Amino acid sequence: MEGLTNFLHENAIYIVLIITLIIWTGIFLFLLSTDKRLKEIEKELKED
């Protein structure tokens, strides 16, 4: 357990960066899917 604690203390900035990158990737993917759905809805409304 001491090895894991040591690893976390020595590499804390990298762990924070990885978590931040995962969060930003999730936001980006969410926005892409929302944009795709909105384009489909707009296309349907223009056809009607």
Protein backbone atom coordinates (compact mmCIF):
# COMPACT_ATOMS: atom_id res chain seq x y z
CA MET A 1 0.00 0.00 0.00
CA GLU A 2 2.93 2.32 0.67
CA GLY A 3 4.08 1.97 -2.94
CA LEU A 4 0.73 3.14 -4.25
CA THR A 5 0.69 6.10 -1.88
CA ASN A 6 4.21 7.01 -2.95
CA PHE A 7 3.24 6.77 -6.61
CA LEU A 8 0.20 9.01 -6.10
CA HIS A 9 2.22 11.66 -4.24
CA GLU A 10 5.02 11.73 -6.81
CA ASN A 11 2.72 11.81 -9.84
CA ALA A 12 -0.22 13.84 -8.56
CA ILE A 13 -0.03 16.43 -11.35
CA TYR A 14 -0.21 13.74 -14.03
CA ILE A 15 -3.21 12.13 -12.38
CA VAL A 16 -5.00 15.50 -12.26
CA LEU A 17 -4.14 16.10 -15.92
CA ILE A 18 -5.46 12.68 -16.95
CA ILE A 19 -8.72 13.21 -15.06
CA THR A 20 -9.10 16.68 -16.60
CA LEU A 21 -8.46 15.25 -20.07
CA ILE A 22 -11.10 12.57 -19.53
CA ILE A 23 -13.63 15.19 -18.42
CA TRP A 24 -12.92 17.46 -21.42
CA THR A 25 -13.16 14.50 -23.78
CA GLY A 26 -16.56 13.63 -22.32
CA ILE A 27 -17.77 17.21 -22.73
CA PHE A 28 -16.52 17.28 -26.32
CA LEU A 29 -18.24 13.99 -27.19
CA PHE A 30 -21.46 15.16 -25.55
CA LEU A 31 -21.42 18.38 -27.58
CA LEU A 32 -20.76 16.46 -30.80
CA SER A 33 -23.68 14.11 -30.20
CA THR A 34 -25.96 17.03 -29.28
CA ASP A 35 -24.94 18.88 -32.44
CA LYS A 36 -25.65 15.79 -34.54
CA ARG A 37 -29.12 15.41 -33.01
CA LEU A 38 -29.88 19.10 -33.52
CA LYS A 39 -28.87 18.91 -37.18
CA GLU A 40 -31.22 15.93 -37.67
CA ILE A 41 -34.09 17.83 -36.00
CA GLU A 42 -33.41 20.92 -38.12
CA LYS A 43 -33.38 18.78 -41.25
CA GLU A 44 -36.74 17.24 -40.31
CA LEU A 45 -38.25 20.68 -39.65
CA LYS A 46 -37.07 22.04 -42.99
CA GLU A 47 -38.61 19.06 -44.81
CA ASP A 48 -42.04 19.67 -43.24
